[in-house]
C-alpha atoms as a PDB file:
ATOM      1  CA  MET A   1      26.449-157.083  60.324  1.00  0.00           C
ATOM      2  CA  ARG A   2      23.389-154.938  59.783  1.00  0.00           C
ATOM      3  CA  HIS A   3      23.226-153.903  63.428  1.00  0.00           C
ATOM      4  CA  ARG A   4      26.968-153.143  63.481  1.00  0.00           C
ATOM      5  CA  CYS A   5      26.828-150.664  60.454  1.00  0.00           C
ATOM      6  CA  ARG A   6      24.040-148.519  61.827  1.00  0.00           C
ATOM      7  CA  PRO A   7      26.055-147.026  64.718  1.00  0.00           C
ATOM      8  CA  ARG A   8      28.933-146.196  62.358  1.00  0.00           C
ATOM      9  CA  PHE A   9      26.639-144.387  59.972  1.00  0.00           C
ATOM     10  CA  ARG A  10      25.086-142.354  62.768  1.00  0.00           C
ATOM     11  CA  GLU A  11      28.376-141.484  64.440  1.00  0.00           C
ATOM     12  CA  GLY A  12      30.386-140.719  61.235  1.00  0.00           C
ATOM     13  CA  GLU A  13      30.670-137.124  59.788  1.00  0.00           C
ATOM     14  CA  GLN A  14      31.546-138.151  56.294  1.00  0.00           C
ATOM     15  CA  GLY A  15      29.226-136.431  53.698  1.00  0.00           C
ATOM     16  CA  SER A  16      27.608-134.033  56.207  1.00  0.00           C
ATOM     17  CA  PHE A  17      28.902-130.919  54.373  1.00  0.00           C
ATOM     18  CA  THR A  18      27.323-132.044  51.120  1.00  0.00           C
ATOM     19  CA  ILE A  19      23.984-132.648  52.786  1.00  0.00           C
ATOM     20  CA  GLU A  20      24.035-129.263  54.538  1.00  0.00           C
ATOM     21  CA  ALA A  21      25.013-127.426  51.361  1.00  0.00           C
ATOM     22  CA  SER A  22      22.236-129.090  49.354  1.00  0.00           C
ATOM     23  CA  LEU A  23      19.738-127.925  51.957  1.00  0.00           C
ATOM     24  CA  VAL A  24      21.014-124.339  52.431  1.00  0.00           C
ATOM     25  CA  PHE A  25      22.024-123.435  48.844  1.00  0.00           C
ATOM     26  CA  PRO A  26      18.440-123.209  47.404  1.00  0.00           C
ATOM     27  CA  LEU A  27      17.487-120.892  50.248  1.00  0.00           C
ATOM     28  CA  LEU A  28      20.518-118.652  49.644  1.00  0.00           C
ATOM     29  CA  LEU A  29      19.849-118.605  45.899  1.00  0.00           C
ATOM     30  CA  PHE A  30      16.223-117.633  46.460  1.00  0.00           C
ATOM     31  CA  CYS A  31      17.233-114.804  48.820  1.00  0.00           C
ATOM     32  CA  THR A  32      19.861-113.552  46.364  1.00  0.00           C
ATOM     33  CA  ILE A  33      17.428-113.500  43.418  1.00  0.00           C
ATOM     34  CA  THR A  34      14.753-111.840  45.556  1.00  0.00           C
ATOM     35  CA  LEU A  35      17.189-109.165  46.698  1.00  0.00           C
ATOM     36  CA  LEU A  36      18.264-108.604  43.097  1.00  0.00           C
ATOM     37  CA  PHE A  37      14.710-108.061  41.844  1.00  0.00           C
ATOM     38  CA  VAL A  38      13.820-105.867  44.822  1.00  0.00           C
ATOM     39  CA  SER A  39      16.879-103.716  44.086  1.00  0.00           C
ATOM     40  CA  LEU A  40      15.909-103.406  40.405  1.00  0.00           C
ATOM     41  CA  TYR A  41      12.352-102.490  41.367  1.00  0.00           C
ATOM     42  CA  ALA A  42      13.528 -99.864  43.876  1.00  0.00           C
ATOM     43  CA  TYR A  43      15.999 -98.398  41.366  1.00  0.00           C
ATOM     44  CA  GLN A  44      13.348 -98.078  38.645  1.00  0.00           C
ATOM     45  CA  LYS A  45      10.880 -96.512  41.074  1.00  0.00           C
ATOM     46  CA  VAL A  46      13.436 -93.926  42.237  1.00  0.00           C
ATOM     47  CA  TYR A  47      14.379 -93.295  38.598  1.00  0.00           C
ATOM     48  CA  LEU A  48      10.754 -92.560  37.642  1.00  0.00           C
ATOM     49  CA  GLN A  49      10.286 -90.394  40.723  1.00  0.00           C
ATOM     50  CA  GLN A  50      13.278 -88.278  39.727  1.00  0.00           C
ATOM     51  CA  ILE A  51      11.997 -87.883  36.140  1.00  0.00           C
ATOM     52  CA  ALA A  52       8.541 -86.875  37.404  1.00  0.00           C
ATOM     53  CA  ARG A  53      10.017 -84.326  39.816  1.00  0.00           C
ATOM     54  CA  THR A  54      12.260 -82.830  37.121  1.00  0.00           C
ATOM     55  CA  ALA A  55       9.411 -82.642  34.585  1.00  0.00           C
ATOM     56  CA  ALA A  56       7.026 -80.993  37.063  1.00  0.00           C
ATOM     57  CA  GLU A  57       9.601 -78.419  38.184  1.00  0.00           C
ATOM     58  CA  ARG A  58      10.622 -77.465  34.651  1.00  0.00           C
ATOM     59  CA  LEU A  59       7.021 -77.231  33.513  1.00  0.00           C
ATOM     60  CA  ALA A  60       6.098 -75.010  36.477  1.00  0.00           C
ATOM     61  CA  PHE A  61       9.150 -72.828  35.852  1.00  0.00           C
ATOM     62  CA  SER A  62       8.212 -72.199  32.200  1.00  0.00           C
ATOM     63  CA  TRP A  63       4.438 -71.978  32.730  1.00  0.00           C
ATOM     64  CA  ASP A  64       4.257 -68.219  32.115  1.00  0.00           C
ATOM     65  CA  ASN A  65       5.548 -68.675  28.546  1.00  0.00           C
ATOM     66  CA  SER A  66       5.010 -71.839  26.508  1.00  0.00           C
ATOM     67  CA  HIS A  67       7.845 -70.794  24.160  1.00  0.00           C
ATOM     68  CA  LYS A  68      10.490 -71.200  26.864  1.00  0.00           C
ATOM     69  CA  ASP A  69      12.953 -74.032  26.503  1.00  0.00           C
ATOM     70  CA  LEU A  70      12.216 -76.572  29.230  1.00  0.00           C
ATOM     71  CA  VAL A  71      15.909 -77.164  29.963  1.00  0.00           C
ATOM     72  CA  THR A  72      17.529 -73.736  29.547  1.00  0.00           C
ATOM     73  CA  GLY A  73      14.525 -71.392  29.833  1.00  0.00           C
ATOM     74  CA  ASN A  74      15.602 -69.443  26.728  1.00  0.00           C
ATOM     75  CA  TYR A  75      13.017 -67.777  24.483  1.00  0.00           C
ATOM     76  CA  LEU A  76      12.756 -64.952  21.990  1.00  0.00           C
ATOM     77  CA  PRO A  77      11.329 -61.666  23.362  1.00  0.00           C
ATOM     78  CA  ALA A  78       8.635 -61.619  20.656  1.00  0.00           C
ATOM     79  CA  GLU A  79       7.361 -65.086  21.611  1.00  0.00           C
ATOM     80  CA  THR A  80       4.728 -64.802  24.347  1.00  0.00           C
ATOM     81  CA  ASP A  81       1.379 -66.349  25.282  1.00  0.00           C
ATOM     82  CA  GLY A  82      -0.401 -63.012  25.209  1.00  0.00           C
ATOM     83  CA  LEU A  83      -0.907 -60.333  27.806  1.00  0.00           C
ATOM     84  CA  TYR A  84      -4.124 -61.733  29.294  1.00  0.00           C
ATOM     85  CA  PHE A  85      -3.592 -65.485  29.056  1.00  0.00           C
ATOM     86  CA  ARG A  86      -3.854 -65.762  32.853  1.00  0.00           C
ATOM     87  CA  LEU A  87      -7.483 -64.589  32.656  1.00  0.00           C
ATOM     88  CA  THR A  88      -8.645 -66.304  29.473  1.00  0.00           C
ATOM     89  CA  GLN A  89      -6.486 -69.399  28.929  1.00  0.00           C
ATOM     90  CA  ASN A  90      -5.192 -70.461  32.333  1.00  0.00           C
ATOM     91  CA  ASN A  91      -8.127 -72.438  33.787  1.00  0.00           C
ATOM     92  CA  VAL A  92      -9.247 -69.700  36.165  1.00  0.00           C
ATOM     93  CA  LEU A  93     -12.541 -71.578  36.654  1.00  0.00           C
ATOM     94  CA  ASP A  94     -10.618 -74.290  38.521  1.00  0.00           C
ATOM     95  CA  LEU A  95     -11.001 -71.969  41.520  1.00  0.00           C
ATOM     96  CA  PHE A  96     -14.598 -73.177  41.769  1.00  0.00           C
ATOM     97  CA  GLY A  97     -13.761 -76.780  41.003  1.00  0.00           C
ATOM     98  CA  ARG A  98     -14.004 -77.917  44.612  1.00  0.00           C
ATOM     99  CA  LEU A  99     -17.484 -76.426  44.896  1.00  0.00           C
ATOM    100  CA  MET A 100     -18.874 -77.521  41.518  1.00  0.00           C
ATOM    101  CA  LEU A 101     -16.917 -80.817  41.409  1.00  0.00           C
ATOM    102  CA  SER A 102     -15.384 -79.959  38.040  1.00  0.00           C
ATOM    103  CA  GLU A 103     -12.134 -81.620  37.053  1.00  0.00           C
ATOM    104  CA  ALA A 104      -8.881 -79.840  36.287  1.00  0.00           C
ATOM    105  CA  THR A 105      -7.142 -80.191  32.926  1.00  0.00           C
ATOM    106  CA  GLU A 106      -5.375 -83.546  32.642  1.00  0.00           C
ATOM    107  CA  ILE A 107      -3.819 -85.207  29.586  1.00  0.00           C
ATOM    108  CA  GLU A 108      -2.019 -88.461  28.902  1.00  0.00           C
ATOM    109  CA  ILE A 109       1.680 -88.293  28.082  1.00  0.00           C
ATOM    110  CA  PRO A 110       3.516 -88.670  25.830  1.00  0.00           C
ATOM    111  CA  SER A 111       1.089 -86.687  23.670  1.00  0.00           C
ATOM    112  CA  LYS A 112       1.546 -85.021  20.282  1.00  0.00           C
ATOM    113  CA  GLU A 113      -1.964 -83.580  19.883  1.00  0.00           C
ATOM    114  CA  ALA A 114      -3.378 -80.910  22.191  1.00  0.00           C
ATOM    115  CA  GLY A 115      -6.033 -78.255  21.729  1.00  0.00           C
ATOM    116  CA  ALA A 116      -6.122 -75.498  24.340  1.00  0.00           C
ATOM    117  CA  LEU A 117      -3.096 -73.587  25.594  1.00  0.00           C
ATOM    118  CA  VAL A 118      -3.014 -75.429  28.936  1.00  0.00           C
ATOM    119  CA  GLU A 119      -3.062 -78.802  27.173  1.00  0.00           C
ATOM    120  CA  ARG A 120      -0.261 -77.728  24.837  1.00  0.00           C
ATOM    121  CA  LYS A 121       1.840 -76.650  27.808  1.00  0.00           C
ATOM    122  CA  LEU A 122       1.307 -79.971  29.575  1.00  0.00           C
ATOM    123  CA  ALA A 123       2.137 -81.930  26.418  1.00  0.00           C
ATOM    124  CA  ARG A 124       5.574 -80.257  26.191  1.00  0.00           C
ATOM    125  CA  ILE A 125       7.045 -82.528  28.858  1.00  0.00           C
ATOM    126  CA  SER A 126       6.643 -85.474  26.490  1.00  0.00           C
ATOM    127  CA  SER A 127      10.087 -84.607  25.143  1.00  0.00           C
ATOM    128  CA  LEU A 128      11.606 -85.267  28.585  1.00  0.00           C
ATOM    129  CA  LEU A 129      10.264 -88.817  28.924  1.00  0.00           C
ATOM    130  CA  PRO A 130      12.473 -91.803  28.081  1.00  0.00           C
ATOM    131  CA  GLN A 131      11.143 -94.513  25.818  1.00  0.00           C
ATOM    132  CA  GLY A 132       8.604 -96.775  27.477  1.00  0.00           C
ATOM    133  CA  VAL A 133       7.565 -94.263  30.144  1.00  0.00           C
ATOM    134  CA  THR A 134       3.917 -93.152  30.108  1.00  0.00           C
ATOM    135  CA  GLY A 135       1.648 -91.300  32.493  1.00  0.00           C
ATOM    136  CA  THR A 136      -0.493 -88.200  32.962  1.00  0.00           C
ATOM    137  CA  ALA A 137       0.092 -84.472  33.428  1.00  0.00           C
ATOM    138  CA  LYS A 138      -2.411 -82.303  35.306  1.00  0.00           C
ATOM    139  CA  PHE A 139      -2.773 -78.569  35.926  1.00  0.00           C
ATOM    140  CA  SER A 140      -4.973 -77.047  38.636  1.00  0.00           C
ATOM    141  CA  ASN A 141      -5.495 -73.319  39.092  1.00  0.00           C
ATOM    142  CA  TYR A 142      -6.844 -72.168  42.453  1.00  0.00           C
ATOM    143  CA  LEU A 143      -5.844 -68.533  41.793  1.00  0.00           C
ATOM    144  CA  LEU A 144      -3.374 -68.225  44.674  1.00  0.00           C
ATOM    145  CA  ASP A 145      -2.139 -71.787  44.247  1.00  0.00           C
ATOM    146  CA  GLN A 146      -1.380 -73.161  40.786  1.00  0.00           C
ATOM    147  CA  GLN A 147      -0.154 -76.753  40.695  1.00  0.00           C
ATOM    148  CA  VAL A 148       1.417 -78.987  38.085  1.00  0.00           C
ATOM    149  CA  GLU A 149       1.148 -82.696  38.853  1.00  0.00           C
ATOM    150  CA  VAL A 150       3.010 -85.384  36.901  1.00  0.00           C
ATOM    151  CA  ARG A 151       2.348 -89.120  37.302  1.00  0.00           C
ATOM    152  CA  LEU A 152       4.596 -91.604  35.486  1.00  0.00           C
ATOM    153  CA  GLN A 153       4.616 -95.345  35.145  1.00  0.00           C
ATOM    154  CA  LYS A 154       6.711 -97.977  33.431  1.00  0.00           C
ATOM    155  CA  ALA A 155       6.273-101.704  33.004  1.00  0.00           C
ATOM    156  CA  PHE A 156       8.447-103.871  35.293  1.00  0.00           C
ATOM    157  CA  HIS A 157       9.195-107.175  33.582  1.00  0.00           C
ATOM    158  CA  LEU A 158       9.539-110.330  35.655  1.00  0.00           C
ATOM    159  CA  SER A 159      10.118-113.939  34.762  1.00  0.00           C
ATOM    160  CA  PRO A 160       7.024-116.201  34.845  1.00  0.00           C
ATOM    161  CA  ILE A 161       8.267-117.846  38.042  1.00  0.00           C
ATOM    162  CA  MET A 162       8.933-114.536  39.788  1.00  0.00           C
ATOM    163  CA  SER A 163       5.563-113.215  38.616  1.00  0.00           C
ATOM    164  CA  ARG A 164       3.910-115.844  40.764  1.00  0.00           C
ATOM    165  CA  TRP A 165       5.743-114.602  43.821  1.00  0.00           C
ATOM    166  CA  PHE A 166       5.496-110.836  43.203  1.00  0.00           C
ATOM    167  CA  SER A 167       2.360-108.990  42.104  1.00  0.00           C
ATOM    168  CA  ALA A 168       4.243-105.828  40.993  1.00  0.00           C
ATOM    169  CA  THR A 169       4.023-105.489  37.208  1.00  0.00           C
ATOM    170  CA  GLN A 170       4.951-101.790  36.929  1.00  0.00           C
ATOM    171  CA  THR A 171       6.624 -98.989  38.837  1.00  0.00           C
ATOM    172  CA  GLY A 172       5.411 -95.426  39.213  1.00  0.00           C
ATOM    173  CA  GLY A 173       6.408 -91.961  40.308  1.00  0.00           C
ATOM    174  CA  ARG A 174       4.466 -88.810  41.236  1.00  0.00           C
ATOM    175  CA  ALA A 175       5.540 -85.210  41.698  1.00  0.00           C
ATOM    176  CA  VAL A 176       3.731 -81.915  42.332  1.00  0.00           C
ATOM    177  CA  SER A 177       5.262 -78.515  41.668  1.00  0.00           C
ATOM    178  CA  HIS A 178       3.753 -75.091  42.355  1.00  0.00           C
ATOM    179  CA  VAL A 179       3.758 -72.387  39.693  1.00  0.00           C
ATOM    180  CA  VAL A 180       5.486 -69.320  41.120  1.00  0.00           C
ATOM    181  CA  GLU A 181       5.822 -66.079  39.140  1.00  0.00           C
ATOM    182  CA  PRO A 182       7.967 -63.660  41.166  1.00  0.00           C
ATOM    183  CA  VAL A 183       8.286 -61.206  38.263  1.00  0.00           C
ATOM    184  CA  GLU A 184       4.505 -60.965  37.856  1.00  0.00           C
ATOM    185  CA  LEU A 185       4.037 -60.561  41.618  1.00  0.00           C
ATOM    186  CA  ILE A 186       6.599 -57.751  41.798  1.00  0.00           C
ATOM    187  CA  ARG A 187       5.032 -56.039  38.778  1.00  0.00           C
ATOM    188  CA  LEU A 188       1.530 -56.118  40.268  1.00  0.00           C
ATOM    189  CA  THR A 189       2.848 -54.884  43.612  1.00  0.00           C
ATOM    190  CA  ASP A 190       4.656 -51.966  41.975  1.00  0.00           C
ATOM    191  CA  ILE A 191       1.581 -51.039  39.918  1.00  0.00           C
ATOM    192  CA  THR A 192      -0.605 -51.093  43.022  1.00  0.00           C
ATOM    193  CA  ARG A 193       1.830 -48.975  45.033  1.00  0.00           C
ATOM    194  CA  THR A 194       2.354 -46.516  42.175  1.00  0.00           C
ATOM    195  CA  TYR A 195      -1.240 -45.912  41.102  1.00  0.00           C
ATOM    196  CA  PHE A 196      -2.993 -46.221  44.448  1.00  0.00           C
ATOM    197  CA  LYS A 197      -1.820 -42.749  45.496  1.00  0.00           C
ATOM    198  CA  THR A 198      -2.737 -41.380  42.068  1.00  0.00           C
ATOM    199  CA  ILE A 199      -6.341 -42.584  42.000  1.00  0.00           C
ATOM    200  CA  LYS A 200      -6.971 -42.056  45.711  1.00  0.00           C
ATOM    201  CA  GLY A 201      -9.301 -39.108  46.275  1.00  0.00           C
ATOM    202  CA  ARG A 202     -10.263 -38.754  42.610  1.00  0.00           C
ATOM    203  CA  ILE A 203     -13.912 -39.585  43.396  1.00  0.00           C
ATOM    204  CA  SER A 204     -15.846 -39.042  46.593  1.00  0.00           C
ATOM    205  CA  PRO A 205     -17.781 -41.869  48.291  1.00  0.00           C
ATOM    206  CA  ARG A 206     -21.069 -40.090  47.515  1.00  0.00           C
ATOM    207  CA  LYS A 207     -20.321 -39.892  43.781  1.00  0.00           C
ATOM    208  CA  ALA A 208     -19.172 -43.471  43.768  1.00  0.00           C
ATOM    209  CA  ARG A 209     -22.513 -44.614  45.249  1.00  0.00           C
ATOM    210  CA  GLU A 210     -24.382 -42.510  42.689  1.00  0.00           C
ATOM    211  CA  ALA A 211     -22.397 -44.084  39.879  1.00  0.00           C
ATOM    212  CA  LEU A 212     -23.433 -47.553  41.058  1.00  0.00           C
ATOM    213  CA  ILE A 213     -27.168 -46.793  40.737  1.00  0.00           C
ATOM    214  CA  GLU A 214     -28.546 -48.799  37.829  1.00  0.00           C
ATOM    215  CA  PRO A 215     -30.295 -46.735  35.135  1.00  0.00           C
ATOM    216  CA  THR A 216     -33.945 -47.343  34.424  1.00  0.00           C
ATOM    217  CA  GLN A 217     -35.062 -49.483  31.534  1.00  0.00           C
ATOM    218  CA  ASP A 218     -36.482 -46.419  29.725  1.00  0.00           C
ATOM    219  CA  ASN A 219     -32.981 -44.962  29.439  1.00  0.00           C
ATOM    220  CA  LEU A 220     -31.650 -48.160  27.891  1.00  0.00           C
ATOM    221  CA  ALA A 221     -34.417 -48.827  25.421  1.00  0.00           C
ATOM    222  CA  GLY A 222     -33.567 -46.073  22.919  1.00  0.00           C
ATOM    223  CA  PRO A 223     -35.717 -45.223  19.905  1.00  0.00           C
ATOM    224  CA  SER A 224     -37.932 -47.942  18.484  1.00  0.00           C
ATOM    225  CA  ILE A 225     -37.026 -49.080  14.933  1.00  0.00           C
ATOM    226  CA  THR A 226     -39.065 -51.445  12.796  1.00  0.00           C
ATOM    227  CA  ILE A 227     -37.252 -53.490  10.162  1.00  0.00           C
ATOM    228  CA  LYS A 228     -39.371 -54.693   7.244  1.00  0.00           C
ATOM    229  CA  SER A 229     -36.854 -55.587   4.526  1.00  0.00           C
ATOM    230  CA  GLU A 230     -33.295 -56.764   3.873  1.00  0.00           C
ATOM    231  CA  ARG A 231     -32.309 -53.365   2.479  1.00  0.00           C
ATOM    232  CA  GLN A 232     -33.659 -51.548   5.514  1.00  0.00           C
ATOM    233  CA  ALA A 233     -31.775 -53.935   7.817  1.00  0.00           C
ATOM    234  CA  ALA A 234     -28.498 -53.261   5.953  1.00  0.00           C
ATOM    235  CA  SER A 235     -29.043 -49.499   6.136  1.00  0.00           C
ATOM    236  CA  TYR A 236     -29.732 -49.638   9.867  1.00  0.00           C
ATOM    237  CA  LEU A 237     -26.642 -51.795  10.351  1.00  0.00           C
ATOM    238  CA  ARG A 238     -24.394 -49.290   8.573  1.00  0.00           C
ATOM    239  CA  SER A 239     -25.620 -46.499  10.818  1.00  0.00           C
ATOM    240  CA  LEU A 240     -25.220 -48.706  13.884  1.00  0.00           C
ATOM    241  CA  VAL A 241     -21.554 -49.617  13.324  1.00  0.00           C
ATOM    242  CA  SER A 242     -20.580 -46.531  11.273  1.00  0.00           C
ATOM    243  CA  GLY A 243     -19.620 -48.774   8.376  1.00  0.00           C
ATOM    244  CA  THR A 244     -19.694 -48.577   4.601  1.00  0.00           C
ATOM    245  CA  GLU A 245     -20.945 -50.979   1.956  1.00  0.00           C
ATOM    246  CA  VAL A 246     -18.053 -52.544  -0.008  1.00  0.00           C
ATOM    247  CA  VAL A 247     -17.613 -55.329  -2.557  1.00  0.00           C
ATOM    248  CA  LEU A 248     -14.746 -57.752  -1.865  1.00  0.00           C
ATOM    249  CA  THR A 249     -13.316 -60.570  -3.965  1.00  0.00           C
ATOM    250  CA  THR A 250     -12.544 -63.941  -2.391  1.00  0.00           C
ATOM    251  CA  GLU A 251      -9.577 -66.160  -3.278  1.00  0.00           C
ATOM    252  CA  SER A 252     -11.823 -68.296  -5.473  1.00  0.00           C
ATOM    253  CA  GLY A 253     -12.792 -65.206  -7.516  1.00  0.00           C
ATOM    254  CA  LYS A 254     -16.306 -64.741  -6.131  1.00  0.00           C
ATOM    255  CA  ASN A 255     -17.634 -61.290  -5.252  1.00  0.00           C
ATOM    256  CA  ARG A 256     -18.920 -60.662  -1.737  1.00  0.00           C
ATOM    257  CA  THR A 257     -21.004 -57.586  -0.950  1.00  0.00           C
ATOM    258  CA  VAL A 258     -20.377 -56.544   2.655  1.00  0.00           C
ATOM    259  CA  ASP A 259     -23.301 -54.598   4.108  1.00  0.00           C
ATOM    260  CA  ALA A 260     -21.163 -52.659   6.596  1.00  0.00           C
ATOM    261  CA  LEU A 261     -17.374 -52.717   6.945  1.00  0.00           C
ATOM    262  CA  ASP A 262     -16.370 -50.780  10.052  1.00  0.00           C
ATOM    263  CA  ALA A 263     -13.113 -48.957  10.789  1.00  0.00           C
ATOM    264  CA  ARG A 264     -11.597 -52.000  12.527  1.00  0.00           C
ATOM    265  CA  GLY A 265     -12.046 -54.203   9.460  1.00  0.00           C
ATOM    266  CA  ILE A 266     -15.029 -56.157  10.802  1.00  0.00           C
ATOM    267  CA  ALA A 267     -17.547 -57.186   8.131  1.00  0.00           C
ATOM    268  CA  HIS A 268     -21.182 -56.933   9.304  1.00  0.00           C
ATOM    269  CA  GLN A 269     -23.910 -58.737   7.345  1.00  0.00           C
ATOM    270  CA  ALA A 270     -27.656 -58.151   7.776  1.00  0.00           C
ATOM    271  CA  PHE A 271     -30.163 -60.991   7.180  1.00  0.00           C
ATOM    272  CA  TYR A 272     -33.914 -60.625   7.277  1.00  0.00           C
ATOM    273  CA  SER A 273     -35.644 -63.057   4.925  1.00  0.00           C
ATOM    274  CA  MET A 274     -32.966 -65.482   3.671  1.00  0.00           C
ATOM    275  CA  THR A 275     -33.360 -69.171   4.463  1.00  0.00           C
ATOM    276  CA  GLU A 276     -30.791 -71.370   6.159  1.00  0.00           C
ATOM    277  CA  SER A 277     -30.134 -73.345   2.975  1.00  0.00           C
ATOM    278  CA  GLN A 278     -29.353 -70.146   1.081  1.00  0.00           C
ATOM    279  CA  LEU A 279     -26.955 -69.002   3.770  1.00  0.00           C
ATOM    280  CA  ARG A 280     -25.142 -72.347   3.766  1.00  0.00           C
ATOM    281  CA  ALA A 281     -24.809 -72.507  -0.012  1.00  0.00           C
ATOM    282  CA  GLU A 282     -24.115 -68.859  -0.911  1.00  0.00           C
ATOM    283  CA  GLN A 283     -23.075 -66.662   1.995  1.00  0.00           C
ATOM    284  CA  MET A 284     -21.183 -68.856   4.431  1.00  0.00           C
ATOM    285  CA  PRO A 285     -18.506 -70.190   1.984  1.00  0.00           C
ATOM    286  CA  LYS A 286     -17.593 -66.652   0.890  1.00  0.00           C
ATOM    287  CA  ASP A 287     -17.241 -65.335   4.431  1.00  0.00           C
ATOM    288  CA  ILE A 288     -15.155 -68.350   5.449  1.00  0.00           C
ATOM    289  CA  GLU A 289     -12.795 -67.629   2.557  1.00  0.00           C
ATOM    290  CA  LEU A 290     -12.483 -64.006   3.656  1.00  0.00           C
ATOM    291  CA  LEU A 291     -11.735 -65.077   7.225  1.00  0.00           C
ATOM    292  CA  ASN A 292      -9.110 -67.580   6.129  1.00  0.00           C
ATOM    293  CA  GLN A 293      -7.523 -64.977   3.864  1.00  0.00           C
ATOM    294  CA  GLY A 294      -7.280 -62.547   6.806  1.00  0.00           C
ATOM    295  CA  THR A 295      -6.240 -59.507   4.773  1.00  0.00           C
ATOM    296  CA  GLN A 296      -9.455 -57.850   3.615  1.00  0.00           C
ATOM    297  CA  VAL A 297     -11.468 -58.422   6.800  1.00  0.00           C
ATOM    298  CA  LYS A 298     -10.422 -59.100  10.378  1.00  0.00           C
ATOM    299  CA  GLY A 299     -13.715 -60.681  11.424  1.00  0.00           C
ATOM    300  CA  VAL A 300     -17.268 -61.431  10.318  1.00  0.00           C
ATOM    301  CA  VAL A 301     -20.484 -60.726  12.253  1.00  0.00           C
ATOM    302  CA  TRP A 302     -23.892 -61.918  11.046  1.00  0.00           C
ATOM    303  CA  HIS A 303     -26.883 -59.886  12.245  1.00  0.00           C
ATOM    304  CA  PHE A 304     -30.278 -61.579  12.112  1.00  0.00           C
ATOM    305  CA  PHE A 305     -33.371 -59.357  12.269  1.00  0.00           C
ATOM    306  CA  LYS A 306     -36.597 -61.017  13.371  1.00  0.00           C
ATOM    307  CA  LYS A 307     -39.800 -60.341  11.450  1.00  0.00           C
ATOM    308  CA  ASP A 308     -41.742 -60.224  14.713  1.00  0.00           C
ATOM    309  CA  ALA A 309     -41.222 -60.957  18.408  1.00  0.00           C
ATOM    310  CA  ASN A 310     -42.344 -64.599  18.012  1.00  0.00           C
ATOM    311  CA  ASP A 311     -40.065 -65.379  15.063  1.00  0.00           C
ATOM    312  CA  LYS A 312     -37.844 -68.338  16.055  1.00  0.00           C
ATOM    313  CA  SER A 313     -37.028 -69.771  12.650  1.00  0.00           C
ATOM    314  CA  MET A 314     -33.602 -68.146  12.115  1.00  0.00           C
ATOM    315  CA  PRO A 315     -31.018 -69.129  13.027  1.00  0.00           C
ATOM    316  CA  SER A 316     -31.482 -72.644  14.421  1.00  0.00           C
ATOM    317  CA  GLY A 317     -29.383 -73.772  17.355  1.00  0.00           C
ATOM    318  CA  ALA A 318     -27.323 -76.209  15.281  1.00  0.00           C
ATOM    319  CA  PHE A 319     -26.688 -73.635  12.552  1.00  0.00           C
ATOM    320  CA  ARG A 320     -25.620 -71.020  15.082  1.00  0.00           C
ATOM    321  CA  LYS A 321     -23.096 -73.398  16.656  1.00  0.00           C
ATOM    322  CA  GLU A 322     -21.746 -74.248  13.216  1.00  0.00           C
ATOM    323  CA  LEU A 323     -21.252 -70.560  12.415  1.00  0.00           C
ATOM    324  CA  GLU A 324     -19.451 -69.975  15.696  1.00  0.00           C
ATOM    325  CA  ARG A 325     -17.130 -72.933  15.038  1.00  0.00           C
ATOM    326  CA  LYS A 326     -16.262 -71.396  11.673  1.00  0.00           C
ATOM    327  CA  GLY A 327     -15.385 -68.091  13.364  1.00  0.00           C
ATOM    328  CA  ILE A 328     -18.541 -66.158  12.449  1.00  0.00           C
ATOM    329  CA  VAL A 329     -20.120 -64.201  15.309  1.00  0.00           C
ATOM    330  CA  VAL A 330     -23.939 -64.283  15.500  1.00  0.00           C
ATOM    331  CA  VAL A 331     -26.046 -61.348  16.753  1.00  0.00           C
ATOM    332  CA  ILE A 332     -29.871 -61.537  16.911  1.00  0.00           C
ATOM    333  CA  HIS A 333     -31.903 -58.306  16.868  1.00  0.00           C
ATOM    334  CA  ASN A 334     -35.429 -58.371  18.256  1.00  0.00           C
END
């Protein structure tokens, strides 16, 4: 009987579909799940790439004015970044970055705190990022080529089993947009074309060469003045800046005697024999109050007069940096 059943089992087709399905179905399920996760990964990557491209383009479009709305470009006429921000606050030194190996300005986004104007402009695109999206924003200025680069990334969650098969844990997108200012280019071109004919021929080549000859040191030295007291230093300072001695009152009610207040509202102070501790305790707090008030004086300049050529006691390097951080300009007279 045993030998008779074996041929029937081999020749019969009963149950073959079930066996084939049990073998093929796991493979089809694995391919379907793999295709599903690959599609989700590709969609999220394209989604981040589109956000990065949009953010870079809008940031480059509004780069000439940080008050512009990133979506509409609207801004009030009185809101500007200043006339000379391209020279002083636009990372012009990036032009030499490839030679000196210095890095361009780059911040992490989303960011709520930024210091310089370039960093504040880059941080503005944080409002365009969906929740969970992070990255970096970078600005490079090579004078003729200004670039805004945006890199974004977002975590891509997988099940523990799929994590063993795929090493991708996050998706990313990158976009670079060039800052183009057609209005500024047209304005510079018109100014050049308009004034070139006006200034041409105003000075001959011979006079121009004569004007470039550096004067001798004797012509620059001027009369020799010896300072021997605080009062003499204040008197010399008033004659130097054409200022007058005034007494101002700070917000805390303290009186501050300004040695020389010039026509522009700059307060000039002369120091000859005062110590650093005295300046910290008595003079510096009053001048800081006047600066913060901003109505009586527009700026404060401290002039230090040395007792002799070898005098290096005042001010110290740390104290000078502290004064500059507080907004007080330091001038040392030999």
